[in-house]
Amino acid sequence: MEFGSRPTTRNLLISAQFLHKELPLRIARRAIELEALPYGLSRKPAVVKVRYWYLDSFRDLRSLLDIKDKSDELEFTQMFKMIKVNVVPYDGFGSSAVEERFGY
């Protein structure tokens, strides 16, 4: 799909619909991966915190109904921005636990 510098309302709607279905799956997988880390890493406070943020984001995304129009797309976009602001910068906490454990 081509967006360019001026995406159409239709393209934004299609993208939001795709992300609405795909993001919860990816977030759930990530939370499961964090839970399954070896060597007790999944119990490290930083990893637990990031995992809970993923689970909260998953719940938030699943709470939205299907995206049918521009208003739904805007609501989804606002939620997506909050998830990005709240979770993505702290995702590195988990890798710092690995560094701490193995001295990387």
N, C-alpha and C. Protein backbone atom coordinates (compact mmCIF):
# COMPACT_ATOMS: atom_id res chain seq x y z
N MET A 1 0.85 -1.17 0.00
CA MET A 1 0.00 0.00 0.00
C MET A 1 0.89 1.23 0.00
N GLU A 2 0.60 2.15 -0.85
CA GLU A 2 1.35 3.39 -0.95
C GLU A 2 0.69 4.47 -0.13
N PHE A 3 1.49 5.16 0.69
CA PHE A 3 0.94 6.23 1.50
C PHE A 3 1.43 7.59 1.02
N GLY A 4 2.71 7.71 0.79
CA GLY A 4 3.26 9.00 0.42
C GLY A 4 3.16 9.97 1.58
N SER A 5 3.31 11.24 1.26
CA SER A 5 3.28 12.26 2.32
C SER A 5 1.85 12.65 2.69
N ARG A 6 0.88 12.25 1.88
CA ARG A 6 -0.53 12.58 2.15
C ARG A 6 -1.40 11.34 2.00
N PRO A 7 -1.45 10.51 3.05
CA PRO A 7 -2.28 9.30 2.95
C PRO A 7 -3.75 9.65 2.86
N THR A 8 -4.47 8.86 2.11
CA THR A 8 -5.91 9.09 1.99
C THR A 8 -6.63 8.56 3.22
N THR A 9 -7.84 9.02 3.40
CA THR A 9 -8.66 8.54 4.51
C THR A 9 -8.85 7.03 4.41
N ARG A 10 -9.03 6.55 3.20
CA ARG A 10 -9.22 5.11 2.98
C ARG A 10 -7.97 4.33 3.37
N ASN A 11 -6.79 4.81 3.00
CA ASN A 11 -5.55 4.13 3.36
C ASN A 11 -5.34 4.10 4.87
N LEU A 12 -5.65 5.21 5.52
CA LEU A 12 -5.53 5.26 6.98
C LEU A 12 -6.49 4.27 7.64
N LEU A 13 -7.69 4.18 7.11
CA LEU A 13 -8.67 3.26 7.65
C LEU A 13 -8.22 1.81 7.48
N ILE A 14 -7.73 1.47 6.30
CA ILE A 14 -7.25 0.11 6.04
C ILE A 14 -6.07 -0.24 6.94
N SER A 15 -5.16 0.70 7.11
CA SER A 15 -4.00 0.47 7.98
C SER A 15 -4.42 0.27 9.42
N ALA A 16 -5.33 1.10 9.89
CA ALA A 16 -5.81 0.97 11.27
C ALA A 16 -6.52 -0.37 11.46
N GLN A 17 -7.28 -0.80 10.48
CA GLN A 17 -7.96 -2.10 10.58
C GLN A 17 -6.95 -3.23 10.65
N PHE A 18 -5.91 -3.16 9.83
CA PHE A 18 -4.86 -4.18 9.85
C PHE A 18 -4.15 -4.20 11.21
N LEU A 19 -3.73 -3.03 11.67
CA LEU A 19 -3.03 -2.95 12.96
C LEU A 19 -3.91 -3.38 14.13
N HIS A 20 -5.18 -3.05 14.04
CA HIS A 20 -6.12 -3.43 15.10
C HIS A 20 -6.17 -4.95 15.26
N LYS A 21 -6.05 -5.66 14.16
CA LYS A 21 -6.05 -7.13 14.21
C LYS A 21 -4.67 -7.69 14.51
N GLU A 22 -3.64 -7.10 13.95
CA GLU A 22 -2.29 -7.66 14.03
C GLU A 22 -1.55 -7.31 15.33
N LEU A 23 -1.68 -6.10 15.81
CA LEU A 23 -0.92 -5.69 17.00
C LEU A 23 -1.22 -6.52 18.25
N PRO A 24 -2.47 -6.83 18.56
CA PRO A 24 -2.69 -7.66 19.74
C PRO A 24 -1.98 -9.02 19.65
N LEU A 25 -1.93 -9.59 18.45
CA LEU A 25 -1.23 -10.87 18.28
C LEU A 25 0.26 -10.72 18.55
N ARG A 26 0.84 -9.69 17.99
CA ARG A 26 2.28 -9.48 18.17
C ARG A 26 2.62 -9.13 19.62
N ILE A 27 1.78 -8.33 20.23
CA ILE A 27 2.01 -7.95 21.63
C ILE A 27 1.87 -9.18 22.53
N ALA A 28 0.87 -10.02 22.27
CA ALA A 28 0.68 -11.23 23.07
C ALA A 28 1.90 -12.16 22.93
N ARG A 29 2.40 -12.31 21.71
CA ARG A 29 3.60 -13.14 21.51
C ARG A 29 4.78 -12.59 22.29
N ARG A 30 4.93 -11.29 22.26
CA ARG A 30 6.04 -10.66 22.98
C ARG A 30 5.92 -10.89 24.48
N ALA A 31 4.72 -10.77 25.02
CA ALA A 31 4.51 -11.02 26.45
C ALA A 31 4.82 -12.47 26.80
N ILE A 32 4.42 -13.39 25.93
CA ILE A 32 4.71 -14.81 26.16
C ILE A 32 6.21 -15.06 26.11
N GLU A 33 6.90 -14.43 25.17
CA GLU A 33 8.36 -14.57 25.08
C GLU A 33 9.03 -14.06 26.35
N LEU A 34 8.56 -12.95 26.87
CA LEU A 34 9.14 -12.41 28.10
C LEU A 34 8.90 -13.34 29.29
N GLU A 35 7.74 -14.00 29.30
CA GLU A 35 7.42 -14.93 30.37
C GLU A 35 8.29 -16.19 30.30
N ALA A 36 8.73 -16.53 29.11
CA ALA A 36 9.47 -17.78 28.89
C ALA A 36 10.99 -17.60 28.87
N LEU A 37 11.48 -16.46 29.26
CA LEU A 37 12.94 -16.24 29.25
C LEU A 37 13.64 -17.23 30.19
N PRO A 38 14.81 -17.69 29.80
CA PRO A 38 15.53 -18.67 30.64
C PRO A 38 16.28 -18.01 31.80
N TYR A 39 16.84 -18.85 32.66
CA TYR A 39 17.73 -18.42 33.74
C TYR A 39 17.09 -17.46 34.73
N GLY A 40 15.79 -17.54 34.90
CA GLY A 40 15.12 -16.68 35.85
C GLY A 40 14.96 -15.24 35.41
N LEU A 41 15.31 -14.96 34.17
CA LEU A 41 15.21 -13.57 33.68
C LEU A 41 13.77 -13.09 33.66
N SER A 42 12.82 -14.01 33.45
CA SER A 42 11.42 -13.58 33.38
C SER A 42 10.91 -13.08 34.74
N ARG A 43 11.65 -13.35 35.80
CA ARG A 43 11.24 -12.88 37.13
C ARG A 43 11.94 -11.59 37.54
N LYS A 44 12.85 -11.10 36.71
CA LYS A 44 13.53 -9.84 37.02
C LYS A 44 12.49 -8.71 37.01
N PRO A 45 12.58 -7.80 37.96
CA PRO A 45 11.57 -6.73 38.05
C PRO A 45 11.39 -5.93 36.76
N ALA A 46 12.47 -5.63 36.08
CA ALA A 46 12.35 -4.85 34.84
C ALA A 46 11.61 -5.63 33.77
N VAL A 47 11.86 -6.92 33.67
CA VAL A 47 11.19 -7.76 32.67
C VAL A 47 9.72 -7.90 33.03
N VAL A 48 9.42 -8.11 34.30
CA VAL A 48 8.03 -8.22 34.75
C VAL A 48 7.27 -6.94 34.43
N LYS A 49 7.90 -5.80 34.67
CA LYS A 49 7.26 -4.51 34.42
C LYS A 49 6.93 -4.34 32.94
N VAL A 50 7.88 -4.64 32.08
CA VAL A 50 7.65 -4.51 30.64
C VAL A 50 6.57 -5.49 30.19
N ARG A 51 6.59 -6.71 30.73
CA ARG A 51 5.57 -7.70 30.38
C ARG A 51 4.18 -7.19 30.76
N TYR A 52 4.05 -6.62 31.94
CA TYR A 52 2.75 -6.07 32.35
C TYR A 52 2.32 -4.93 31.42
N TRP A 53 3.25 -4.11 30.99
CA TRP A 53 2.90 -3.04 30.04
C TRP A 53 2.38 -3.63 28.74
N TYR A 54 3.03 -4.70 28.28
CA TYR A 54 2.54 -5.37 27.07
C TYR A 54 1.13 -5.91 27.29
N LEU A 55 0.89 -6.54 28.43
CA LEU A 55 -0.43 -7.09 28.70
C LEU A 55 -1.49 -5.99 28.79
N ASP A 56 -1.14 -4.87 29.40
CA ASP A 56 -2.07 -3.73 29.45
C ASP A 56 -2.39 -3.22 28.05
N SER A 57 -1.35 -3.12 27.23
CA SER A 57 -1.55 -2.66 25.84
C SER A 57 -2.43 -3.63 25.08
N PHE A 58 -2.20 -4.93 25.30
CA PHE A 58 -3.03 -5.95 24.67
C PHE A 58 -4.50 -5.76 25.05
N ARG A 59 -4.75 -5.60 26.34
CA ARG A 59 -6.13 -5.41 26.81
C ARG A 59 -6.76 -4.15 26.22
N ASP A 60 -5.98 -3.08 26.18
CA ASP A 60 -6.49 -1.83 25.62
C ASP A 60 -6.90 -2.01 24.16
N LEU A 61 -6.03 -2.65 23.39
CA LEU A 61 -6.33 -2.86 21.97
C LEU A 61 -7.54 -3.76 21.77
N ARG A 62 -7.65 -4.79 22.59
CA ARG A 62 -8.77 -5.72 22.46
C ARG A 62 -10.08 -5.08 22.91
N SER A 63 -10.01 -4.02 23.71
CA SER A 63 -11.23 -3.37 24.17
C SER A 63 -11.88 -2.53 23.08
N LEU A 64 -11.13 -2.16 22.07
CA LEU A 64 -11.70 -1.38 20.97
C LEU A 64 -12.53 -2.26 20.05
N LEU A 65 -13.66 -1.76 19.66
CA LEU A 65 -14.49 -2.49 18.70
C LEU A 65 -13.88 -2.38 17.31
N ASP A 66 -14.44 -3.07 16.35
CA ASP A 66 -13.92 -3.02 14.99
C ASP A 66 -13.86 -1.58 14.49
N ILE A 67 -12.89 -1.32 13.66
CA ILE A 67 -12.69 0.02 13.10
C ILE A 67 -13.48 0.09 11.79
N LYS A 68 -14.49 0.97 11.79
CA LYS A 68 -15.38 1.04 10.64
C LYS A 68 -15.35 2.37 9.91
N ASP A 69 -14.94 3.43 10.61
CA ASP A 69 -14.98 4.75 9.99
C ASP A 69 -13.85 5.62 10.53
N LYS A 70 -13.81 6.86 10.06
CA LYS A 70 -12.75 7.79 10.42
C LYS A 70 -12.70 8.03 11.93
N SER A 71 -13.84 8.11 12.56
CA SER A 71 -13.88 8.33 14.00
C SER A 71 -13.23 7.16 14.75
N ASP A 72 -13.53 5.95 14.33
CA ASP A 72 -12.89 4.76 14.93
C ASP A 72 -11.39 4.76 14.68
N GLU A 73 -11.02 5.15 13.48
CA GLU A 73 -9.59 5.19 13.12
C GLU A 73 -8.86 6.21 13.99
N LEU A 74 -9.46 7.36 14.23
CA LEU A 74 -8.83 8.37 15.07
C LEU A 74 -8.69 7.89 16.51
N GLU A 75 -9.70 7.21 17.02
CA GLU A 75 -9.64 6.66 18.38
C GLU A 75 -8.52 5.62 18.48
N PHE A 76 -8.43 4.76 17.47
CA PHE A 76 -7.38 3.75 17.45
C PHE A 76 -6.00 4.42 17.38
N THR A 77 -5.87 5.43 16.54
CA THR A 77 -4.59 6.13 16.39
C THR A 77 -4.14 6.74 17.70
N GLN A 78 -5.07 7.35 18.44
CA GLN A 78 -4.72 7.92 19.75
C GLN A 78 -4.25 6.84 20.72
N MET A 79 -4.94 5.71 20.73
CA MET A 79 -4.53 4.62 21.60
C MET A 79 -3.16 4.10 21.19
N PHE A 80 -2.95 3.94 19.90
CA PHE A 80 -1.67 3.47 19.40
C PHE A 80 -0.54 4.41 19.81
N LYS A 81 -0.77 5.70 19.72
CA LYS A 81 0.25 6.67 20.13
C LYS A 81 0.58 6.53 21.62
N MET A 82 -0.44 6.31 22.44
CA MET A 82 -0.21 6.14 23.88
C MET A 82 0.58 4.87 24.17
N ILE A 83 0.27 3.81 23.46
CA ILE A 83 1.01 2.55 23.63
C ILE A 83 2.46 2.77 23.24
N LYS A 84 2.66 3.42 22.14
CA LYS A 84 4.02 3.67 21.66
C LYS A 84 4.81 4.52 22.65
N VAL A 85 4.18 5.53 23.21
CA VAL A 85 4.84 6.41 24.17
C VAL A 85 5.12 5.67 25.48
N ASN A 86 4.18 4.85 25.92
CA ASN A 86 4.30 4.21 27.23
C ASN A 86 5.16 2.95 27.24
N VAL A 87 5.18 2.18 26.16
CA VAL A 87 5.85 0.88 26.17
C VAL A 87 7.18 0.88 25.43
N VAL A 88 7.22 1.40 24.24
CA VAL A 88 8.41 1.27 23.40
C VAL A 88 9.68 1.80 24.06
N PRO A 89 9.68 2.97 24.70
CA PRO A 89 10.94 3.45 25.29
C PRO A 89 11.48 2.56 26.40
N TYR A 90 10.61 1.78 27.04
CA TYR A 90 11.02 0.96 28.17
C TYR A 90 11.26 -0.49 27.80
N ASP A 91 11.08 -0.82 26.54
CA ASP A 91 11.28 -2.19 26.10
C ASP A 91 12.72 -2.63 26.35
N GLY A 92 13.65 -1.70 26.35
CA GLY A 92 15.05 -2.00 26.58
C GLY A 92 15.35 -2.44 28.01
N PHE A 93 14.42 -2.23 28.93
CA PHE A 93 14.62 -2.67 30.31
C PHE A 93 14.91 -4.17 30.36
N GLY A 94 14.17 -4.92 29.55
CA GLY A 94 14.37 -6.37 29.54
C GLY A 94 15.76 -6.74 29.08
N SER A 95 16.27 -6.05 28.08
CA SER A 95 17.62 -6.37 27.60
C SER A 95 18.67 -5.97 28.63
N SER A 96 18.39 -4.97 29.44
CA SER A 96 19.35 -4.61 30.49
C SER A 96 19.43 -5.71 31.54
N ALA A 97 18.33 -6.44 31.76
CA ALA A 97 18.36 -7.57 32.69
C ALA A 97 19.24 -8.68 32.15
N VAL A 98 19.20 -8.90 30.85
CA VAL A 98 20.07 -9.90 30.22
C VAL A 98 21.52 -9.48 30.35
N GLU A 99 21.79 -8.21 30.10
CA GLU A 99 23.17 -7.70 30.23
C GLU A 99 23.67 -7.87 31.66
N GLU A 100 22.81 -7.57 32.60
CA GLU A 100 23.18 -7.69 34.02
C GLU A 100 23.48 -9.15 34.37
N ARG A 101 22.67 -10.06 33.88
CA ARG A 101 22.80 -11.49 34.21
C ARG A 101 24.05 -12.10 33.57
N PHE A 102 24.33 -11.73 32.33
CA PHE A 102 25.41 -12.38 31.58
C PHE A 102 26.62 -11.49 31.35
N GLY A 103 26.57 -10.26 31.81
CA GLY A 103 27.72 -9.37 31.70
C GLY A 103 28.04 -8.90 30.30
N TYR A 104 27.03 -8.77 29.44
CA TYR A 104 27.27 -8.26 28.08
C TYR A 104 27.50 -6.79 28.09
